[in-house]
C-alpha atoms as a PDB file:
ATOM      1  CA  UNK A   1     -91.230-131.549  24.252  1.00  0.00           C
ATOM      2  CA  UNK A   2     -90.454-129.451  27.317  1.00  0.00           C
ATOM      3  CA  UNK A   3     -92.009-126.320  25.815  1.00  0.00           C
ATOM      4  CA  UNK A   4     -95.370-128.016  25.453  1.00  0.00           C
ATOM      5  CA  UNK A   5     -95.255-129.326  29.013  1.00  0.00           C
ATOM      6  CA  UNK A   6     -94.514-125.801  30.221  1.00  0.00           C
ATOM      7  CA  UNK A   7     -97.456-124.461  28.251  1.00  0.00           C
ATOM      8  CA  UNK A   8     -99.667-127.138  29.773  1.00  0.00           C
ATOM      9  CA  UNK A   9     -98.547-126.107  33.276  1.00  0.00           C
ATOM     10  CA  UNK A  10     -99.213-122.453  32.492  1.00  0.00           C
ATOM     11  CA  UNK A  11    -102.696-123.271  31.170  1.00  0.00           C
ATOM     12  CA  UNK A  12    -103.506-125.444  34.167  1.00  0.00           C
ATOM     13  CA  UNK A  13    -102.383-122.826  36.669  1.00  0.00           C
ATOM     14  CA  UNK A  14    -104.230-120.123  34.724  1.00  0.00           C
ATOM     15  CA  UNK A  15    -107.531-121.930  35.182  1.00  0.00           C
ATOM     16  CA  UNK A  16    -106.762-122.843  38.786  1.00  0.00           C
ATOM     17  CA  UNK A  17    -106.406-119.121  39.577  1.00  0.00           C
ATOM     18  CA  UNK A  18    -109.163-117.980  37.229  1.00  0.00           C
ATOM     19  CA  UNK A  19    -111.698-120.311  38.870  1.00  0.00           C
ATOM     20  CA  UNK A  20    -110.320-120.470  42.444  1.00  0.00           C
ATOM     21  CA  UNK A  21    -109.508-116.864  43.376  1.00  0.00           C
ATOM     22  CA  UNK A  22    -112.046-115.904  40.713  1.00  0.00           C
ATOM     23  CA  UNK A  23    -114.782-117.566  42.772  1.00  0.00           C
ATOM     24  CA  UNK A  24    -113.683-115.492  45.783  1.00  0.00           C
ATOM     25  CA  UNK A  25    -113.996-112.342  43.702  1.00  0.00           C
ATOM     26  CA  UNK A  26    -117.382-113.383  42.303  1.00  0.00           C
ATOM     27  CA  UNK A  27    -118.559-114.147  45.836  1.00  0.00           C
ATOM     28  CA  UNK A  28    -117.641-110.614  46.901  1.00  0.00           C
ATOM     29  CA  UNK A  29    -119.111-109.093  43.720  1.00  0.00           C
ATOM     30  CA  UNK A  30    -122.394-110.988  44.224  1.00  0.00           C
ATOM     31  CA  UNK A  31    -122.698-110.215  47.949  1.00  0.00           C
ATOM     32  CA  UNK A  32    -121.919-113.747  49.066  1.00  0.00           C
ATOM     33  CA  UNK A  33    -123.898-115.774  46.533  1.00  0.00           C
ATOM     34  CA  UNK A  34    -121.348-118.600  46.575  1.00  0.00           C
ATOM     35  CA  UNK A  35    -120.380-118.670  50.241  1.00  0.00           C
ATOM     36  CA  UNK A  36    -117.379-120.422  51.729  1.00  0.00           C
ATOM     37  CA  UNK A  37    -118.626-123.853  50.674  1.00  0.00           C
ATOM     38  CA  UNK A  38    -119.115-122.693  47.104  1.00  0.00           C
ATOM     39  CA  UNK A  39    -115.612-121.247  46.978  1.00  0.00           C
ATOM     40  CA  UNK A  40    -114.123-124.472  48.367  1.00  0.00           C
ATOM     41  CA  UNK A  41    -116.024-126.534  45.809  1.00  0.00           C
ATOM     42  CA  UNK A  42    -114.795-124.277  43.002  1.00  0.00           C
ATOM     43  CA  UNK A  43    -111.193-124.973  44.013  1.00  0.00           C
ATOM     44  CA  UNK A  44    -111.875-128.704  44.297  1.00  0.00           C
ATOM     45  CA  UNK A  45    -113.627-128.939  40.940  1.00  0.00           C
ATOM     46  CA  UNK A  46    -111.043-126.982  38.963  1.00  0.00           C
ATOM     47  CA  UNK A  47    -108.196-129.055  40.403  1.00  0.00           C
ATOM     48  CA  UNK A  48    -110.003-132.274  39.494  1.00  0.00           C
ATOM     49  CA  UNK A  49    -110.635-131.029  35.967  1.00  0.00           C
ATOM     50  CA  UNK A  50    -107.089-129.815  35.363  1.00  0.00           C
ATOM     51  CA  UNK A  51    -105.542-133.068  36.605  1.00  0.00           C
ATOM     52  CA  UNK A  52    -107.777-135.095  34.312  1.00  0.00           C
ATOM     53  CA  UNK A  53    -107.027-132.741  31.409  1.00  0.00           C
ATOM     54  CA  UNK A  54    -103.279-132.262  31.882  1.00  0.00           C
ATOM     55  CA  UNK A  55    -101.987-135.041  34.118  1.00  0.00           C
ATOM     56  CA  UNK A  56    -100.893-137.125  31.134  1.00  0.00           C
ATOM     57  CA  UNK A  57     -99.283-134.115  29.422  1.00  0.00           C
ATOM     58  CA  UNK A  58     -97.242-132.307  32.071  1.00  0.00           C
ATOM     59  CA  UNK A  59     -98.056-134.091  35.319  1.00  0.00           C
ATOM     60  CA  UNK A  60    -100.494-131.294  36.274  1.00  0.00           C
ATOM     61  CA  UNK A  61     -98.344-130.015  39.122  1.00  0.00           C
ATOM     62  CA  UNK A  62     -99.874-126.517  38.717  1.00  0.00           C
ATOM     63  CA  UNK A  63     -98.053-125.680  41.948  1.00  0.00           C
ATOM     64  CA  UNK A  64     -94.363-124.751  42.400  1.00  0.00           C
ATOM     65  CA  UNK A  65     -94.243-126.445  45.802  1.00  0.00           C
ATOM     66  CA  UNK A  66     -95.400-129.741  44.272  1.00  0.00           C
ATOM     67  CA  UNK A  67     -92.704-129.487  41.608  1.00  0.00           C
ATOM     68  CA  UNK A  68     -90.020-128.809  44.225  1.00  0.00           C
ATOM     69  CA  UNK A  69     -91.266-131.656  46.418  1.00  0.00           C
ATOM     70  CA  UNK A  70     -91.156-134.169  43.556  1.00  0.00           C
ATOM     71  CA  UNK A  71     -87.640-133.012  42.744  1.00  0.00           C
ATOM     72  CA  UNK A  72     -86.598-133.401  46.393  1.00  0.00           C
ATOM     73  CA  UNK A  73     -87.347-137.137  46.259  1.00  0.00           C
ATOM     74  CA  UNK A  74     -85.819-137.577  42.809  1.00  0.00           C
ATOM     75  CA  UNK A  75     -89.111-137.901  40.993  1.00  0.00           C
ATOM     76  CA  UNK A  76     -88.674-134.819  38.803  1.00  0.00           C
ATOM     77  CA  UNK A  77     -85.628-133.617  36.812  1.00  0.00           C
ATOM     78  CA  UNK A  78     -83.691-130.745  38.370  1.00  0.00           C
ATOM     79  CA  UNK A  79     -83.298-128.987  35.029  1.00  0.00           C
ATOM     80  CA  UNK A  80     -87.060-128.517  34.695  1.00  0.00           C
ATOM     81  CA  UNK A  81     -87.854-127.237  38.194  1.00  0.00           C
ATOM     82  CA  UNK A  82     -87.268-123.522  37.513  1.00  0.00           C
ATOM     83  CA  UNK A  83     -88.978-123.579  34.077  1.00  0.00           C
ATOM     84  CA  UNK A  84     -92.019-125.280  35.603  1.00  0.00           C
ATOM     85  CA  UNK A  85     -92.164-122.719  38.419  1.00  0.00           C
ATOM     86  CA  UNK A  86     -91.929-119.825  35.978  1.00  0.00           C
ATOM     87  CA  UNK A  87     -94.661-121.297  33.768  1.00  0.00           C
ATOM     88  CA  UNK A  88     -96.933-121.790  36.772  1.00  0.00           C
ATOM     89  CA  UNK A  89     -96.409-118.233  38.006  1.00  0.00           C
ATOM     90  CA  UNK A  90     -96.945-116.790  34.514  1.00  0.00           C
ATOM     91  CA  UNK A  91    -100.258-118.645  34.259  1.00  0.00           C
ATOM     92  CA  UNK A  92    -101.323-117.380  37.682  1.00  0.00           C
ATOM     93  CA  UNK A  93    -100.439-113.759  36.898  1.00  0.00           C
ATOM     94  CA  UNK A  94    -102.233-113.902  33.539  1.00  0.00           C
ATOM     95  CA  UNK A  95    -105.393-115.198  35.229  1.00  0.00           C
ATOM     96  CA  UNK A  96    -105.254-112.445  37.854  1.00  0.00           C
ATOM     97  CA  UNK A  97    -104.931-109.765  35.180  1.00  0.00           C
ATOM     98  CA  UNK A  98    -107.928-111.256  33.393  1.00  0.00           C
ATOM     99  CA  UNK A  99    -109.953-111.246  36.607  1.00  0.00           C
ATOM    100  CA  UNK A 100    -109.042-107.654  37.389  1.00  0.00           C
ATOM    101  CA  UNK A 101    -110.071-106.630  33.902  1.00  0.00           C
ATOM    102  CA  UNK A 102    -113.422-108.404  34.214  1.00  0.00           C
ATOM    103  CA  UNK A 103    -114.365-107.606  37.812  1.00  0.00           C
ATOM    104  CA  UNK A 104    -112.024-104.918  39.055  1.00  0.00           C
ATOM    105  CA  UNK A 105    -110.208-105.226  42.400  1.00  0.00           C
ATOM    106  CA  UNK A 106    -113.177-106.748  44.231  1.00  0.00           C
ATOM    107  CA  UNK A 107    -112.706-109.322  46.957  1.00  0.00           C
ATOM    108  CA  UNK A 108    -109.080-108.233  47.348  1.00  0.00           C
ATOM    109  CA  UNK A 109    -108.352-110.033  44.066  1.00  0.00           C
ATOM    110  CA  UNK A 110    -108.906-113.357  45.811  1.00  0.00           C
ATOM    111  CA  UNK A 111    -105.511-112.882  47.432  1.00  0.00           C
ATOM    112  CA  UNK A 112    -104.343-115.071  50.306  1.00  0.00           C
ATOM    113  CA  UNK A 113    -103.934-112.808  53.317  1.00  0.00           C
ATOM    114  CA  UNK A 114    -103.511-114.052  56.885  1.00  0.00           C
ATOM    115  CA  UNK A 115    -106.667-113.727  58.956  1.00  0.00           C
ATOM    116  CA  UNK A 116    -104.772-114.868  62.044  1.00  0.00           C
ATOM    117  CA  UNK A 117    -101.278-114.122  63.339  1.00  0.00           C
ATOM    118  CA  UNK A 118     -98.395-114.840  60.989  1.00  0.00           C
ATOM    119  CA  UNK A 119     -97.201-117.630  63.262  1.00  0.00           C
ATOM    120  CA  UNK A 120    -100.616-119.256  63.255  1.00  0.00           C
ATOM    121  CA  UNK A 121    -101.003-118.701  59.513  1.00  0.00           C
ATOM    122  CA  UNK A 122     -97.681-120.421  58.881  1.00  0.00           C
ATOM    123  CA  UNK A 123     -98.753-123.402  60.978  1.00  0.00           C
ATOM    124  CA  UNK A 124    -102.117-123.732  59.245  1.00  0.00           C
ATOM    125  CA  UNK A 125    -100.642-123.430  55.756  1.00  0.00           C
ATOM    126  CA  UNK A 126     -97.876-125.876  56.633  1.00  0.00           C
ATOM    127  CA  UNK A 127    -100.268-128.558  57.820  1.00  0.00           C
ATOM    128  CA  UNK A 128    -102.676-128.118  54.914  1.00  0.00           C
ATOM    129  CA  UNK A 129     -99.835-128.290  52.390  1.00  0.00           C
ATOM    130  CA  UNK A 130     -98.420-131.375  54.117  1.00  0.00           C
ATOM    131  CA  UNK A 131    -101.800-133.122  53.842  1.00  0.00           C
ATOM    132  CA  UNK A 132    -102.107-132.207  50.168  1.00  0.00           C
ATOM    133  CA  UNK A 133     -98.650-133.449  49.208  1.00  0.00           C
ATOM    134  CA  UNK A 134     -99.037-136.601  51.267  1.00  0.00           C
ATOM    135  CA  UNK A 135    -102.142-137.483  49.254  1.00  0.00           C
ATOM    136  CA  UNK A 136    -100.419-136.553  45.983  1.00  0.00           C
ATOM    137  CA  UNK A 137     -97.480-138.828  46.773  1.00  0.00           C
ATOM    138  CA  UNK A 138     -99.816-141.724  47.476  1.00  0.00           C
ATOM    139  CA  UNK A 139    -101.960-141.455  44.357  1.00  0.00           C
ATOM    140  CA  UNK A 140     -99.191-140.367  41.988  1.00  0.00           C
ATOM    141  CA  UNK A 141     -96.282-142.589  42.974  1.00  0.00           C
ATOM    142  CA  UNK A 142     -97.569-145.766  44.640  1.00  0.00           C
ATOM    143  CA  UNK A 143     -98.681-148.548  42.309  1.00  0.00           C
ATOM    144  CA  UNK A 144    -100.741-150.102  45.113  1.00  0.00           C
ATOM    145  CA  UNK A 145    -103.245-147.239  45.055  1.00  0.00           C
ATOM    146  CA  UNK A 146    -106.316-147.844  42.893  1.00  0.00           C
ATOM    147  CA  UNK A 147    -105.977-146.403  39.387  1.00  0.00           C
ATOM    148  CA  UNK A 148    -108.132-143.600  38.061  1.00  0.00           C
ATOM    149  CA  UNK A 149    -108.848-141.766  41.299  1.00  0.00           C
ATOM    150  CA  UNK A 150    -105.844-139.439  41.594  1.00  0.00           C
ATOM    151  CA  UNK A 151    -107.723-136.365  40.374  1.00  0.00           C
ATOM    152  CA  UNK A 152    -110.623-136.984  42.752  1.00  0.00           C
ATOM    153  CA  UNK A 153    -108.345-137.605  45.731  1.00  0.00           C
ATOM    154  CA  UNK A 154    -106.267-134.488  45.125  1.00  0.00           C
ATOM    155  CA  UNK A 155    -109.244-132.298  44.284  1.00  0.00           C
ATOM    156  CA  UNK A 156    -111.187-133.393  47.359  1.00  0.00           C
ATOM    157  CA  UNK A 157    -108.123-132.744  49.516  1.00  0.00           C
ATOM    158  CA  UNK A 158    -107.890-129.215  48.144  1.00  0.00           C
ATOM    159  CA  UNK A 159    -111.607-128.832  48.845  1.00  0.00           C
ATOM    160  CA  UNK A 160    -111.562-129.914  52.473  1.00  0.00           C
ATOM    161  CA  UNK A 161    -108.437-127.832  53.102  1.00  0.00           C
ATOM    162  CA  UNK A 162    -110.209-124.804  51.627  1.00  0.00           C
ATOM    163  CA  UNK A 163    -113.268-125.422  53.796  1.00  0.00           C
ATOM    164  CA  UNK A 164    -111.203-125.440  56.974  1.00  0.00           C
ATOM    165  CA  UNK A 165    -108.367-123.074  56.171  1.00  0.00           C
ATOM    166  CA  UNK A 166    -110.003-120.624  53.792  1.00  0.00           C
ATOM    167  CA  UNK A 167    -111.291-118.221  56.460  1.00  0.00           C
ATOM    168  CA  UNK A 168    -107.970-118.397  58.340  1.00  0.00           C
ATOM    169  CA  UNK A 169    -105.306-118.049  55.647  1.00  0.00           C
ATOM    170  CA  UNK A 170    -106.960-118.472  52.277  1.00  0.00           C
ATOM    171  CA  UNK A 171    -105.773-122.104  52.236  1.00  0.00           C
ATOM    172  CA  UNK A 172    -103.324-121.449  49.436  1.00  0.00           C
ATOM    173  CA  UNK A 173    -100.966-124.456  49.641  1.00  0.00           C
ATOM    174  CA  UNK A 174     -99.636-123.090  46.361  1.00  0.00           C
ATOM    175  CA  UNK A 175     -97.115-120.264  45.912  1.00  0.00           C
ATOM    176  CA  UNK A 176     -98.243-119.522  42.339  1.00  0.00           C
ATOM    177  CA  UNK A 177    -101.890-119.264  43.381  1.00  0.00           C
ATOM    178  CA  UNK A 178    -100.845-116.663  45.970  1.00  0.00           C
ATOM    179  CA  UNK A 179     -98.327-114.876  43.739  1.00  0.00           C
ATOM    180  CA  UNK A 180    -100.708-113.981  40.898  1.00  0.00           C
ATOM    181  CA  UNK A 181    -103.309-112.081  42.962  1.00  0.00           C
ATOM    182  CA  UNK A 182    -100.585-110.544  45.162  1.00  0.00           C
ATOM    183  CA  UNK A 183     -98.719-109.139  42.164  1.00  0.00           C
ATOM    184  CA  UNK A 184    -101.761-107.834  40.298  1.00  0.00           C
ATOM    185  CA  UNK A 185    -103.482-106.509  43.406  1.00  0.00           C
ATOM    186  CA  UNK A 186    -100.362-105.240  45.193  1.00  0.00           C
ATOM    187  CA  UNK A 187    -101.294-107.270  48.273  1.00  0.00           C
ATOM    188  CA  UNK A 188     -98.100-108.593  49.834  1.00  0.00           C
ATOM    189  CA  UNK A 189     -98.923-108.790  53.548  1.00  0.00           C
ATOM    190  CA  UNK A 190     -97.473-112.015  54.919  1.00  0.00           C
ATOM    191  CA  UNK A 191     -96.706-113.213  51.410  1.00  0.00           C
ATOM    192  CA  UNK A 192     -93.588-115.097  52.531  1.00  0.00           C
ATOM    193  CA  UNK A 193     -95.836-117.500  54.446  1.00  0.00           C
ATOM    194  CA  UNK A 194     -97.351-118.685  51.174  1.00  0.00           C
ATOM    195  CA  UNK A 195     -93.967-119.679  49.793  1.00  0.00           C
ATOM    196  CA  UNK A 196     -92.075-120.942  52.802  1.00  0.00           C
ATOM    197  CA  UNK A 197     -94.882-122.975  54.380  1.00  0.00           C
ATOM    198  CA  UNK A 198     -95.999-124.931  51.271  1.00  0.00           C
ATOM    199  CA  UNK A 199     -92.468-125.604  50.026  1.00  0.00           C
ATOM    200  CA  UNK A 200     -91.114-126.887  53.335  1.00  0.00           C
ATOM    201  CA  UNK A 201     -94.297-128.802  54.155  1.00  0.00           C
ATOM    202  CA  UNK A 202     -94.472-130.539  50.803  1.00  0.00           C
ATOM    203  CA  UNK A 203     -90.809-131.528  50.861  1.00  0.00           C
ATOM    204  CA  UNK A 204     -91.405-133.003  54.324  1.00  0.00           C
ATOM    205  CA  UNK A 205     -94.568-134.780  53.178  1.00  0.00           C
ATOM    206  CA  UNK A 206     -92.849-136.267  50.119  1.00  0.00           C
ATOM    207  CA  UNK A 207     -89.981-137.600  52.202  1.00  0.00           C
ATOM    208  CA  UNK A 208     -92.358-138.887  54.861  1.00  0.00           C
ATOM    209  CA  UNK A 209     -94.285-140.887  52.280  1.00  0.00           C
ATOM    210  CA  UNK A 210     -91.061-142.229  50.811  1.00  0.00           C
ATOM    211  CA  UNK A 211     -90.146-143.456  54.294  1.00  0.00           C
ATOM    212  CA  UNK A 212     -93.559-145.019  54.872  1.00  0.00           C
ATOM    213  CA  UNK A 213     -93.704-146.588  51.405  1.00  0.00           C
ATOM    214  CA  UNK A 214     -91.902-149.712  52.598  1.00  0.00           C
ATOM    215  CA  UNK A 215     -94.381-150.358  55.396  1.00  0.00           C
ATOM    216  CA  UNK A 216     -95.085-154.081  55.702  1.00  0.00           C
ATOM    217  CA  UNK A 217     -98.660-155.008  56.654  1.00  0.00           C
ATOM    218  CA  UNK A 218     -99.151-157.358  59.599  1.00  0.00           C
ATOM    219  CA  UNK A 219     -99.282-161.092  58.954  1.00  0.00           C
ATOM    220  CA  UNK A 220    -102.345-163.010  60.052  1.00  0.00           C
ATOM    221  CA  UNK A 221    -102.860-166.744  60.490  1.00  0.00           C
ATOM    222  CA  UNK A 222    -105.905-167.101  58.308  1.00  0.00           C
ATOM    223  CA  UNK A 223    -106.812-167.729  54.702  1.00  0.00           C
ATOM    224  CA  UNK A 224    -107.882-164.151  53.955  1.00  0.00           C
ATOM    225  CA  UNK A 225    -105.644-161.078  53.538  1.00  0.00           C
ATOM    226  CA  UNK A 226    -105.194-158.201  55.920  1.00  0.00           C
ATOM    227  CA  UNK A 227    -108.012-155.835  54.953  1.00  0.00           C
ATOM    228  CA  UNK A 228    -108.127-152.051  55.074  1.00  0.00           C
ATOM    229  CA  UNK A 229    -110.811-149.560  54.108  1.00  0.00           C
ATOM    230  CA  UNK A 230    -109.904-149.901  50.426  1.00  0.00           C
ATOM    231  CA  UNK A 231    -109.490-153.664  50.332  1.00  0.00           C
ATOM    232  CA  UNK A 232    -106.537-155.981  50.910  1.00  0.00           C
ATOM    233  CA  UNK A 233    -103.395-154.387  52.290  1.00  0.00           C
ATOM    234  CA  UNK A 234    -100.639-154.829  49.722  1.00  0.00           C
ATOM    235  CA  UNK A 235     -96.932-155.008  50.446  1.00  0.00           C
ATOM    236  CA  UNK A 236     -94.398-153.001  48.409  1.00  0.00           C
ATOM    237  CA  UNK A 237     -93.992-154.787  45.076  1.00  0.00           C
ATOM    238  CA  UNK A 238     -97.639-155.798  44.914  1.00  0.00           C
ATOM    239  CA  UNK A 239     -97.580-158.861  47.217  1.00  0.00           C
ATOM    240  CA  UNK A 240    -100.788-159.404  49.159  1.00  0.00           C
ATOM    241  CA  UNK A 241    -100.322-159.794  52.888  1.00  0.00           C
ATOM    242  CA  UNK A 242    -101.686-163.347  53.038  1.00  0.00           C
ATOM    243  CA  UNK A 243    -100.350-166.200  55.083  1.00  0.00           C
ATOM    244  CA  UNK A 244    -102.794-169.122  54.768  1.00  0.00           C
ATOM    245  CA  UNK A 245    -103.560-171.105  57.888  1.00  0.00           C
ATOM    246  CA  UNK A 246    -102.699-174.804  57.548  1.00  0.00           C
ATOM    247  CA  UNK A 247    -105.497-176.979  58.994  1.00  0.00           C
ATOM    248  CA  UNK A 248    -103.542-180.230  58.739  1.00  0.00           C
ATOM    249  CA  UNK A 249    -100.302-181.845  57.625  1.00  0.00           C
ATOM    250  CA  UNK A 250     -98.785-180.918  54.288  1.00  0.00           C
ATOM    251  CA  UNK A 251    -100.183-182.849  51.346  1.00  0.00           C
ATOM    252  CA  UNK A 252     -98.758-183.970  48.030  1.00  0.00           C
ATOM    253  CA  UNK A 253    -100.216-183.155  44.637  1.00  0.00           C
ATOM    254  CA  UNK A 254    -102.543-186.199  44.828  1.00  0.00           C
ATOM    255  CA  UNK A 255    -103.873-185.105  48.208  1.00  0.00           C
ATOM    256  CA  UNK A 256    -102.030-187.638  50.393  1.00  0.00           C
ATOM    257  CA  UNK A 257    -100.461-186.468  53.647  1.00  0.00           C
ATOM    258  CA  UNK A 258     -96.680-186.086  53.402  1.00  0.00           C
ATOM    259  CA  UNK A 259     -94.164-186.481  56.192  1.00  0.00           C
ATOM    260  CA  UNK A 260     -93.152-183.273  57.984  1.00  0.00           C
END
């Protein structure tokens, strides 16, 4: 039922914000006990956990930009886009209220505020969000990708984006994650960046992957397949890119040479 999927999205986004921005607040409260690496790992771990917990229930978008991007390539129903976005934002706001009640307004509520110019912040957020959605499209929509690793791939992407972009922009890549702390903390400086950049970047990334999906691997004249870092390169439809090399004339079933 749609209502249960919406609840799942709200729960997932709640814990994303409670643990992610919450780790920023705890880091400030504890005089830097976690550090930037600890904060990045907190984001990575909570995303991995929520995808494993909710991916089979609601898809574990936990991000309005992801929902919009899936819709843009016809992989999510239009009628559910706005409800999903509302559920995600409600979960984020609820988590921010909980954090404020527990810790007070420390660490600027874990809000995403540009540490560089708005133009630079937009560029950084755009590229990080593009990378995230590009990975999501691969692991979520392409049957050639190894099963069971979607949560790890997405979580690690969030982690390395947070390591690089955290000090610059907060590495949001997620309008709901930015909206909750901004609303509860009243911190709106440059907030438009955290909606416009992720949404446009993720739509572009989704369409880019859809274009690249039909890539045909190169043919080789040998008995082994074209190999990449994850094994044989597979064509769309699951066909291995193998073209065996013939060492002699064609042979019949009994092994005799047959005329060409």
